[in-house]
Amino acid sequence: MKSRIRTCLIAMIVLFAALVLPLRLAAQEQPNHYRLFNLGNLSGTASEGNTINNIGWAIGAADQSGDITEHATVWIYGLRFDLGTLGGPNSDVQWPNKNDHGQIAGFSETAAMDPFGESWSCTAFTPTGIPTGHVCTGFVWQFGVMTGLPTLGGNNGFASGENNLGQIVGWAETTVHDSSCVLPQVFQFLPVVYGPGVAQITQLPTFVQSGIADPDGAATAINDNGQIVGISGTCDNSVGAFSAMHALLWENGNVINLGNLGGKGWNTPMAINHRGDIIVGFSDLAGDVSGGVLSPNFHAFIWTKESGKMTDIGVLPGDALSEALDVNDQGQVVGVSFPSFHAFIYENGKMTDLNTLMPKNSPLLLIEATGINESGEITGEACIIVDGGCPLGNNIPAYLAVPTYFGGGGADTFAEATNGEAASITVSEGVRQQMMRKLAFGHFKPEQVKP
């Protein structure tokens, strides 16, 4: 079976790689609306496309039967492939994978049990958010083979972004017992870059302030210039919060503080475009700490090389929080605004509910947009609309949105073709709670942010 998958994938890479340049050229125009495709699930009831490369592969994860475990999944031109695991129950791809040569990076639990009982970073992204007790490490997958990535001596690791040079970034545990950790986390973790070989791991420096280096950090994305973005701070519980005190760019051997929107935590770059002139993510606003307690209040940001600072790009009407999750070289930014949980696209200085650009009477509500490629194709997570709403149930698939261009029909044709009423569609409380937990890496309690 693996050999059949490998042969199929090699043929498709060769065929579609030739299409990348024309697609990039087409993306220079402004799309009028999108064609929308339900990518479907595996044996469970939910799936999510978290990233999309320039040959159109949507990559993310899909629940297994019973919806208590998930496997990393790739959707390729109408076909779905379960990437499997490294022996444990769960695997996933969460951050931008910008490799057009059939290589995929993510995390997987292994068959081994963690002797220290850490929940580690992987737990926040699993369907239940409940620790399984398994060791979790980064992986690289290519042509049907999943290979585990090394750590810095500790048990756990995590692979996030990758580029076309075979470089992968992430974070990995050391053997240092870190006093800034919140139990059950015990060990220090540091940002790393893998490659070009899978056995090669290089530690990245954390931010230094007043002569003191942050004890922990993580790298989240990398472009083809080798520019890396990520975070550093204290250990916390190994994901988000005070681990993201500083938003960082690693460039030419330097560690650059990208600043923040006024908050003390959750200052998290999620993606960097290949030109290296735009970085997007989310950052807390002022007032996020009261009585020593950090409460997330983040907004999506865009950082440009020209300005050298973060700009708050806001939220959709009626919402409180937002996250920017990916960006391309055209400056198109995609993400999610909540608690409405509507996907957005930000371009030309304006945030737009992505649902309003979908075909009229679309059967899907796009609840997050997590990946965009150079041709403007978008992937994410949706729910099937039932009776004008978005209930929790057998109805949360990954999607692909492909930009289309009218040949001069004008504003009336545009209004007729798109889903102008979509902004008023709401998600159920069940969907809202599920998404709140995932988007804040397990830190949110559902009651913290109400519609």
Protein backbone atom coordinates (compact mmCIF):
# COMPACT_ATOMS: atom_id res chain seq x y z
CA MET A 1 0.00 0.00 0.00
CA LYS A 2 2.80 2.41 0.89
CA SER A 3 4.51 1.76 -2.44
CA ARG A 4 1.28 2.56 -4.29
CA ILE A 5 0.91 5.82 -2.36
CA ARG A 6 4.55 6.68 -3.04
CA THR A 7 4.20 6.09 -6.80
CA CYS A 8 0.97 8.09 -6.94
CA LEU A 9 2.45 11.03 -5.06
CA ILE A 10 5.63 11.18 -7.17
CA ALA A 11 3.57 11.33 -10.35
CA MET A 12 1.33 14.08 -8.98
CA ILE A 13 4.26 16.19 -7.77
CA VAL A 14 5.87 16.11 -11.21
CA LEU A 15 2.57 16.90 -12.94
CA PHE A 16 1.48 19.80 -10.75
CA ALA A 17 4.82 21.43 -9.98
CA ALA A 18 4.73 22.86 -13.50
CA LEU A 19 1.54 24.71 -12.60
CA VAL A 20 3.00 26.68 -9.69
CA LEU A 21 4.35 29.62 -11.70
CA PRO A 22 1.12 30.29 -13.66
CA LEU A 23 -0.86 30.08 -10.44
CA ARG A 24 1.40 32.66 -8.77
CA LEU A 25 0.93 35.02 -11.68
CA ALA A 26 -2.85 34.65 -11.55
CA ALA A 27 -2.81 35.50 -7.85
CA GLN A 28 -1.69 39.04 -8.59
CA GLU A 29 -5.30 39.89 -9.47
CA GLN A 30 -8.01 40.52 -6.87
CA PRO A 31 -10.39 37.53 -6.60
CA ASN A 32 -14.09 38.31 -6.89
CA HIS A 33 -15.19 35.21 -5.04
CA TYR A 34 -14.25 31.58 -4.43
CA ARG A 35 -15.25 28.10 -5.46
CA LEU A 36 -15.65 26.01 -2.32
CA PHE A 37 -14.91 22.31 -1.87
CA ASN A 38 -15.77 20.08 1.08
CA LEU A 39 -12.64 17.94 1.52
CA GLY A 40 -14.41 15.45 3.73
CA ASN A 41 -13.28 13.47 6.74
CA LEU A 42 -11.64 10.10 7.33
CA SER A 43 -13.50 7.71 9.63
CA GLY A 44 -14.38 10.38 12.21
CA THR A 45 -16.70 13.37 12.08
CA ALA A 46 -14.18 16.24 12.01
CA SER A 47 -11.13 17.32 10.06
CA GLU A 48 -9.12 20.47 9.46
CA GLY A 49 -6.87 21.76 6.73
CA ASN A 50 -4.14 23.69 8.54
CA THR A 51 -1.79 24.55 5.70
CA ILE A 52 -1.62 24.46 1.89
CA ASN A 53 1.46 24.40 -0.33
CA ASN A 54 1.91 25.78 -3.83
CA ILE A 55 1.01 22.52 -5.55
CA GLY A 56 -2.38 22.59 -3.87
CA TRP A 57 -1.91 20.02 -1.12
CA ALA A 58 -4.14 20.81 1.85
CA ILE A 59 -2.55 19.36 4.96
CA GLY A 60 -3.83 19.01 8.51
CA ALA A 61 -5.52 16.29 10.53
CA ALA A 62 -8.68 14.19 10.59
CA ASP A 63 -10.39 12.42 13.46
CA GLN A 64 -10.42 8.67 13.64
CA SER A 65 -13.60 6.71 14.37
CA GLY A 66 -15.06 7.81 17.71
CA ASP A 67 -13.46 11.29 17.50
CA ILE A 68 -11.06 10.77 20.40
CA THR A 69 -7.90 10.47 18.30
CA GLU A 70 -6.68 12.06 15.06
CA HIS A 71 -4.13 11.38 12.34
CA ALA A 72 -2.15 13.78 10.19
CA THR A 73 -3.87 13.92 6.80
CA VAL A 74 -3.17 15.31 3.34
CA TRP A 75 -5.81 16.07 0.71
CA ILE A 76 -4.37 15.90 -2.80
CA TYR A 77 -6.53 16.75 -5.81
CA GLY A 78 -9.63 15.06 -4.42
CA LEU A 79 -7.83 12.18 -2.69
CA ARG A 80 -7.36 11.80 1.09
CA PHE A 81 -4.29 10.17 2.62
CA ASP A 82 -3.95 9.16 6.27
CA LEU A 83 -0.28 9.71 7.16
CA GLY A 84 -0.46 7.45 10.22
CA THR A 85 1.56 7.91 13.42
CA LEU A 86 4.88 6.94 14.97
CA GLY A 87 3.14 4.24 16.99
CA GLY A 88 0.99 6.36 19.31
CA PRO A 89 -2.68 7.34 19.04
CA ASN A 90 -2.39 10.88 17.59
CA SER A 91 -0.56 12.84 14.92
CA ASP A 92 -1.19 16.26 13.36
CA VAL A 93 0.16 19.04 11.13
CA GLN A 94 -0.61 22.45 12.63
CA TRP A 95 1.76 25.14 11.26
CA PRO A 96 2.57 26.39 7.73
CA ASN A 97 4.22 23.68 5.64
CA LYS A 98 5.65 25.53 2.63
CA ASN A 99 7.35 22.62 0.89
CA ASP A 100 6.38 21.83 -2.71
CA HIS A 101 8.36 18.59 -2.99
CA GLY A 102 6.11 16.20 -1.11
CA GLN A 103 7.66 16.69 2.34
CA ILE A 104 5.38 17.24 5.35
CA ALA A 105 6.32 18.09 8.95
CA GLY A 106 4.22 17.75 12.07
CA PHE A 107 4.02 15.96 15.40
CA SER A 108 3.13 12.43 16.39
CA GLU A 109 2.77 10.48 19.59
CA THR A 110 4.92 7.38 19.82
CA ALA A 111 4.26 4.02 21.46
CA ALA A 112 6.49 4.98 24.41
CA MET A 113 4.94 6.39 27.59
CA ASP A 114 6.33 9.60 29.08
CA PRO A 115 8.06 8.64 32.36
CA PHE A 116 7.40 12.10 33.82
CA GLY A 117 3.71 12.29 32.91
CA GLU A 118 4.03 15.53 30.95
CA SER A 119 1.12 16.52 28.73
CA TRP A 120 3.55 18.33 26.37
CA SER A 121 2.62 20.70 23.56
CA CYS A 122 0.86 18.09 21.43
CA THR A 123 -2.05 17.61 23.84
CA ALA A 124 -3.56 21.03 23.10
CA PHE A 125 -4.23 20.02 19.49
CA THR A 126 -5.72 16.56 19.98
CA PRO A 127 -9.51 16.06 19.70
CA THR A 128 -10.12 15.70 23.43
CA GLY A 129 -7.30 17.82 24.87
CA ILE A 130 -6.78 15.09 27.46
CA PRO A 131 -3.20 13.83 27.91
CA THR A 132 -2.68 10.30 26.62
CA GLY A 133 0.58 9.76 28.51
CA HIS A 134 2.49 9.04 25.29
CA VAL A 135 5.77 10.66 24.31
CA CYS A 136 5.27 13.08 21.42
CA THR A 137 7.93 14.13 18.90
CA GLY A 138 8.25 15.94 15.60
CA PHE A 139 8.10 13.98 12.36
CA VAL A 140 8.92 14.40 8.70
CA TRP A 141 6.84 12.47 6.15
CA GLN A 142 7.68 11.91 2.51
CA PHE A 143 6.39 9.41 -0.04
CA GLY A 144 4.56 7.26 2.45
CA VAL A 145 7.26 7.12 5.14
CA MET A 146 7.01 8.93 8.50
CA THR A 147 10.32 9.48 10.31
CA GLY A 148 10.72 10.78 13.87
CA LEU A 149 12.89 13.83 14.54
CA PRO A 150 15.44 14.08 17.39
CA THR A 151 15.15 16.19 20.54
CA LEU A 152 17.76 18.07 22.58
CA GLY A 153 18.11 15.13 24.94
CA GLY A 154 14.63 15.24 26.47
CA ASN A 155 11.72 12.99 25.67
CA ASN A 156 9.46 15.29 23.64
CA GLY A 157 9.65 17.47 20.56
CA PHE A 158 7.41 19.25 18.06
CA ALA A 159 7.85 20.08 14.36
CA SER A 160 5.96 23.07 13.01
CA GLY A 161 6.99 24.89 9.80
CA GLU A 162 9.20 23.88 6.89
CA ASN A 163 10.53 25.29 3.63
CA ASN A 164 11.56 24.08 0.17
CA LEU A 165 15.17 23.55 1.27
CA GLY A 166 14.22 20.66 3.52
CA GLN A 167 14.61 22.72 6.69
CA ILE A 168 12.09 22.16 9.47
CA VAL A 169 11.60 24.24 12.62
CA GLY A 170 10.03 23.46 15.96
CA TRP A 171 10.94 23.02 19.60
CA ALA A 172 12.43 20.25 21.68
CA GLU A 173 12.99 19.33 25.30
CA THR A 174 16.37 19.32 26.98
CA THR A 175 17.29 17.38 30.12
CA VAL A 176 17.17 20.53 32.28
CA HIS A 177 14.55 20.62 35.04
CA ASP A 178 13.06 24.09 34.55
CA SER A 179 11.76 25.91 37.63
CA SER A 180 9.60 28.16 35.44
CA CYS A 181 7.52 25.18 34.27
CA VAL A 182 3.96 24.66 35.44
CA LEU A 183 3.27 21.02 36.29
CA PRO A 184 2.90 18.57 34.70
CA GLN A 185 5.55 20.17 32.45
CA VAL A 186 9.00 19.51 33.93
CA PHE A 187 11.72 20.05 31.34
CA GLN A 188 13.03 23.09 29.53
CA PHE A 189 12.29 23.32 25.80
CA LEU A 190 14.11 25.39 23.19
CA PRO A 191 13.59 26.50 19.57
CA VAL A 192 15.29 24.31 16.99
CA VAL A 193 15.85 23.95 13.27
CA TYR A 194 16.22 20.53 11.65
CA GLY A 195 18.03 19.74 8.45
CA PRO A 196 18.80 19.50 5.81
CA GLY A 197 19.08 15.91 7.07
CA VAL A 198 16.52 14.53 9.54
CA ALA A 199 19.23 13.66 12.07
CA GLN A 200 20.58 17.21 12.19
CA ILE A 201 19.17 19.45 14.93
CA THR A 202 20.42 22.94 15.77
CA GLN A 203 19.37 24.92 18.84
CA LEU A 204 18.32 28.53 18.25
CA PRO A 205 19.05 31.27 20.81
CA THR A 206 16.23 32.82 22.84
CA PHE A 207 15.73 36.53 23.46
CA VAL A 208 18.19 38.21 25.83
CA GLN A 209 17.06 41.13 27.96
CA SER A 210 19.28 42.87 30.55
CA GLY A 211 21.83 40.14 30.05
CA ILE A 212 19.39 37.33 30.87
CA ALA A 213 18.20 34.91 28.19
CA ASP A 214 14.64 33.61 28.21
CA PRO A 215 14.82 30.01 29.48
CA ASP A 216 12.46 28.55 26.89
CA GLY A 217 11.24 29.10 23.35
CA ALA A 218 9.81 27.67 20.14
CA ALA A 219 10.22 28.22 16.39
CA THR A 220 6.98 28.19 14.44
CA ALA A 221 7.66 28.96 10.76
CA ILE A 222 10.49 29.26 8.23
CA ASN A 223 10.69 30.62 4.68
CA ASP A 224 12.94 29.78 1.73
CA ASN A 225 15.42 32.50 2.80
CA GLY A 226 15.97 30.66 6.07
CA GLN A 227 14.25 33.40 8.08
CA ILE A 228 12.56 31.87 11.12
CA VAL A 229 9.86 33.20 13.42
CA GLY A 230 8.83 32.01 16.85
CA ILE A 231 8.62 32.82 20.53
CA SER A 232 10.55 32.80 23.78
CA GLY A 233 9.66 33.28 27.42
CA THR A 234 9.23 31.09 30.45
CA CYS A 235 8.38 27.39 30.38
CA ASP A 236 4.76 27.73 31.62
CA ASN A 237 2.99 24.55 30.43
CA SER A 238 4.95 24.27 27.16
CA VAL A 239 2.43 25.98 24.89
CA GLY A 240 1.35 29.62 24.58
CA ALA A 241 0.73 32.06 27.48
CA PHE A 242 3.99 33.23 29.12
CA SER A 243 6.00 30.93 26.85
CA ALA A 244 5.24 33.63 24.27
CA MET A 245 6.45 36.69 26.15
CA HIS A 246 8.56 37.70 23.14
CA ALA A 247 7.72 37.37 19.45
CA LEU A 248 10.95 36.74 17.55
CA LEU A 249 12.57 36.73 14.12
CA TRP A 250 15.83 34.84 13.60
CA GLU A 251 17.65 36.38 10.65
CA ASN A 252 21.32 36.25 9.61
CA GLY A 253 22.36 35.02 13.03
CA ASN A 254 20.47 37.76 14.88
CA VAL A 255 17.52 37.45 17.24
CA ILE A 256 15.08 40.30 16.59
CA ASN A 257 12.25 41.20 18.97
CA LEU A 258 9.15 41.90 16.85
CA GLY A 259 7.42 43.77 19.68
CA ASN A 260 3.82 43.29 20.79
CA LEU A 261 0.40 44.95 20.90
CA GLY A 262 0.81 45.93 24.55
CA GLY A 263 0.35 42.59 26.31
CA LYS A 264 2.69 40.47 28.43
CA GLY A 265 1.94 37.08 26.85
CA TRP A 266 0.54 35.27 23.80
CA ASN A 267 2.83 37.27 21.48
CA THR A 268 2.98 34.62 18.77
CA PRO A 269 4.13 34.85 15.14
CA MET A 270 2.42 32.13 13.11
CA ALA A 271 3.78 32.65 9.58
CA ILE A 272 6.33 34.54 7.49
CA ASN A 273 6.08 34.97 3.74
CA HIS A 274 8.89 33.88 1.41
CA ARG A 275 10.04 37.45 0.74
CA GLY A 276 10.47 37.91 4.48
CA ASP A 277 8.76 41.30 4.48
CA ILE A 278 5.51 40.26 6.22
CA ILE A 279 5.00 38.30 9.43
CA VAL A 280 1.57 37.56 10.90
CA GLY A 281 0.24 36.10 14.12
CA PHE A 282 -1.52 37.26 17.27
CA SER A 283 -0.56 39.28 20.32
CA ASP A 284 -2.20 40.25 23.58
CA LEU A 285 -3.37 43.80 24.14
CA ALA A 286 -2.56 45.84 27.25
CA GLY A 287 -4.33 44.70 30.41
CA ASP A 288 -3.90 40.97 29.89
CA VAL A 289 -2.33 40.50 33.34
CA SER A 290 -4.25 41.19 36.54
CA GLY A 291 -3.11 40.00 39.94
CA GLY A 292 -0.40 37.99 38.25
CA VAL A 293 -2.95 36.05 36.18
CA LEU A 294 -2.66 36.13 32.39
CA SER A 295 -6.00 36.23 30.56
CA PRO A 296 -5.83 36.02 26.74
CA ASN A 297 -7.13 39.12 24.95
CA PHE A 298 -5.15 38.81 21.72
CA HIS A 299 -5.77 40.34 18.31
CA ALA A 300 -4.36 39.35 14.95
CA PHE A 301 -1.31 41.36 13.91
CA ILE A 302 0.65 42.06 10.77
CA TRP A 303 4.33 43.02 11.02
CA THR A 304 6.03 44.49 7.99
CA LYS A 305 9.70 45.01 7.31
CA GLU A 306 8.88 48.50 6.12
CA SER A 307 7.27 49.58 9.39
CA GLY A 308 9.36 47.41 11.71
CA LYS A 309 6.43 46.99 14.10
CA MET A 310 3.22 45.09 14.72
CA THR A 311 -0.09 46.53 13.59
CA ASP A 312 -3.37 45.39 15.13
CA ILE A 313 -5.65 44.33 12.26
CA GLY A 314 -8.68 44.01 14.51
CA VAL A 315 -11.60 41.61 14.63
CA LEU A 316 -14.79 41.01 12.67
CA PRO A 317 -17.83 43.02 13.89
CA GLY A 318 -19.06 41.86 17.30
CA ASP A 319 -15.98 39.76 18.10
CA ALA A 320 -13.37 40.13 20.83
CA LEU A 321 -10.38 38.07 19.67
CA SER A 322 -8.65 37.14 16.44
CA GLU A 323 -5.65 35.23 15.11
CA ALA A 324 -3.79 35.69 11.83
CA LEU A 325 -2.57 32.24 10.78
CA ASP A 326 -0.91 32.49 7.37
CA VAL A 327 0.26 34.99 4.73
CA ASN A 328 1.53 34.86 1.15
CA ASP A 329 3.82 37.08 -0.91
CA GLN A 330 0.81 39.02 -2.23
CA GLY A 331 0.15 40.17 1.34
CA GLN A 332 -3.08 38.20 1.71
CA VAL A 333 -3.57 37.21 5.35
CA VAL A 334 -6.01 34.57 6.59
CA GLY A 335 -7.18 33.69 10.07
CA VAL A 336 -10.09 33.45 12.46
CA SER A 337 -12.15 35.95 14.48
CA PHE A 338 -14.06 34.79 17.54
CA PRO A 339 -16.21 34.02 19.48
CA SER A 340 -18.31 34.13 16.27
CA PHE A 341 -15.73 31.74 14.76
CA HIS A 342 -15.76 33.07 11.24
CA ALA A 343 -12.78 32.81 8.91
CA PHE A 344 -11.37 36.07 7.58
CA ILE A 345 -9.13 37.32 4.82
CA TYR A 346 -7.22 40.56 5.29
CA GLU A 347 -5.91 42.41 2.25
CA ASN A 348 -5.45 46.00 1.18
CA GLY A 349 -5.89 47.11 4.79
CA LYS A 350 -9.32 45.52 5.22
CA MET A 351 -10.53 42.47 7.13
CA THR A 352 -13.38 40.63 5.38
CA ASP A 353 -15.51 37.71 6.56
CA LEU A 354 -14.38 35.02 4.13
CA ASN A 355 -17.87 33.53 4.12
CA THR A 356 -19.21 36.59 2.33
CA LEU A 357 -16.98 35.75 -0.65
CA MET A 358 -18.29 32.20 -0.98
CA PRO A 359 -20.99 31.14 -3.47
CA LYS A 360 -24.54 32.16 -2.61
CA ASN A 361 -26.37 29.56 -0.48
CA SER A 362 -23.10 27.81 0.35
CA PRO A 363 -23.70 24.65 2.45
CA LEU A 364 -20.56 25.38 4.52
CA LEU A 365 -19.76 28.00 7.14
CA LEU A 366 -16.00 28.63 7.21
CA ILE A 367 -15.09 28.76 10.89
CA GLU A 368 -11.36 29.31 10.44
CA ALA A 369 -8.91 29.93 7.61
CA THR A 370 -5.53 28.46 8.50
CA GLY A 371 -3.54 28.30 5.27
CA ILE A 372 -3.10 30.25 2.03
CA ASN A 373 -0.71 29.63 -0.87
CA GLU A 374 0.74 31.88 -3.56
CA SER A 375 -2.21 31.31 -5.89
CA GLY A 376 -4.58 32.46 -3.15
CA GLU A 377 -6.06 29.01 -2.44
CA ILE A 378 -7.24 28.75 1.18
CA THR A 379 -7.80 25.83 3.49
CA GLY A 380 -9.22 25.56 6.99
CA GLU A 381 -12.11 24.09 8.95
CA ALA A 382 -15.82 24.47 8.23
CA CYS A 383 -19.14 23.23 9.47
CA ILE A 384 -22.18 22.17 7.49
CA ILE A 385 -25.03 24.66 7.81
CA VAL A 386 -28.25 23.13 9.13
CA ASP A 387 -31.43 25.21 9.50
CA GLY A 388 -29.45 28.45 9.28
CA GLY A 389 -26.96 27.50 11.99
CA CYS A 390 -23.85 25.45 12.66
CA PRO A 391 -24.57 22.64 15.16
CA LEU A 392 -22.02 20.25 16.63
CA GLY A 393 -22.22 16.78 15.11
CA ASN A 394 -21.29 14.95 11.95
CA ASN A 395 -20.55 18.16 10.14
CA ILE A 396 -17.04 19.65 10.65
CA PRO A 397 -14.92 19.01 7.53
CA ALA A 398 -11.78 20.53 6.09
CA TYR A 399 -12.33 22.72 3.04
CA LEU A 400 -10.56 24.18 0.04
CA ALA A 401 -11.50 27.63 -1.31
CA VAL A 402 -10.20 28.41 -4.81
CA PRO A 403 -10.28 32.05 -6.00
CA THR A 404 -12.15 32.82 -9.21
CA TYR A 405 -12.31 35.96 -11.32
CA PHE A 406 -15.33 37.46 -13.06
CA GLY A 407 -14.82 38.62 -16.60
CA GLY A 408 -16.45 42.01 -16.12
CA GLY A 409 -19.88 41.28 -14.69
CA GLY A 410 -19.57 44.25 -12.35
CA ALA A 411 -20.78 44.83 -8.80
CA ASP A 412 -24.32 43.53 -9.40
CA THR A 413 -23.03 40.18 -10.64
CA PHE A 414 -20.63 39.98 -7.69
CA ALA A 415 -23.42 40.62 -5.17
CA GLU A 416 -25.66 38.06 -6.84
CA ALA A 417 -22.98 35.36 -6.85
CA THR A 418 -21.71 35.64 -3.29
CA ASN A 419 -23.09 34.78 0.10
CA GLY A 420 -23.90 38.19 1.58
CA GLU A 421 -25.98 36.74 4.43
CA ALA A 422 -23.22 34.45 5.73
CA ALA A 423 -21.94 36.95 8.30
CA SER A 424 -25.10 36.43 10.37
CA ILE A 425 -24.76 32.64 10.68
CA THR A 426 -23.73 31.52 14.16
CA VAL A 427 -22.02 28.42 15.48
CA SER A 428 -23.51 26.27 18.24
CA GLU A 429 -22.20 26.43 21.79
CA GLY A 430 -20.68 22.97 21.30
CA VAL A 431 -18.66 24.07 18.28
CA ARG A 432 -17.69 27.29 20.05
CA GLN A 433 -16.33 25.46 23.09
CA GLN A 434 -14.42 23.00 20.93
CA MET A 435 -12.80 25.79 18.94
CA MET A 436 -12.02 27.92 22.01
CA ARG A 437 -9.98 25.13 23.54
CA LYS A 438 -8.00 24.48 20.38
CA LEU A 439 -7.29 28.07 19.34
CA ALA A 440 -5.91 29.00 22.74
CA PHE A 441 -3.84 25.81 22.93
CA GLY A 442 -5.90 24.43 25.79
CA HIS A 443 -5.67 27.57 27.97
CA PHE A 444 -9.18 28.91 27.43
CA LYS A 445 -12.15 28.05 29.53
CA PRO A 446 -15.23 28.43 27.30
CA GLU A 447 -16.86 30.93 29.63
CA GLN A 448 -13.91 33.33 29.31
CA VAL A 449 -15.18 34.77 26.04
CA LYS A 450 -18.90 34.98 25.38
CA PRO A 451 -20.61 36.04 22.15
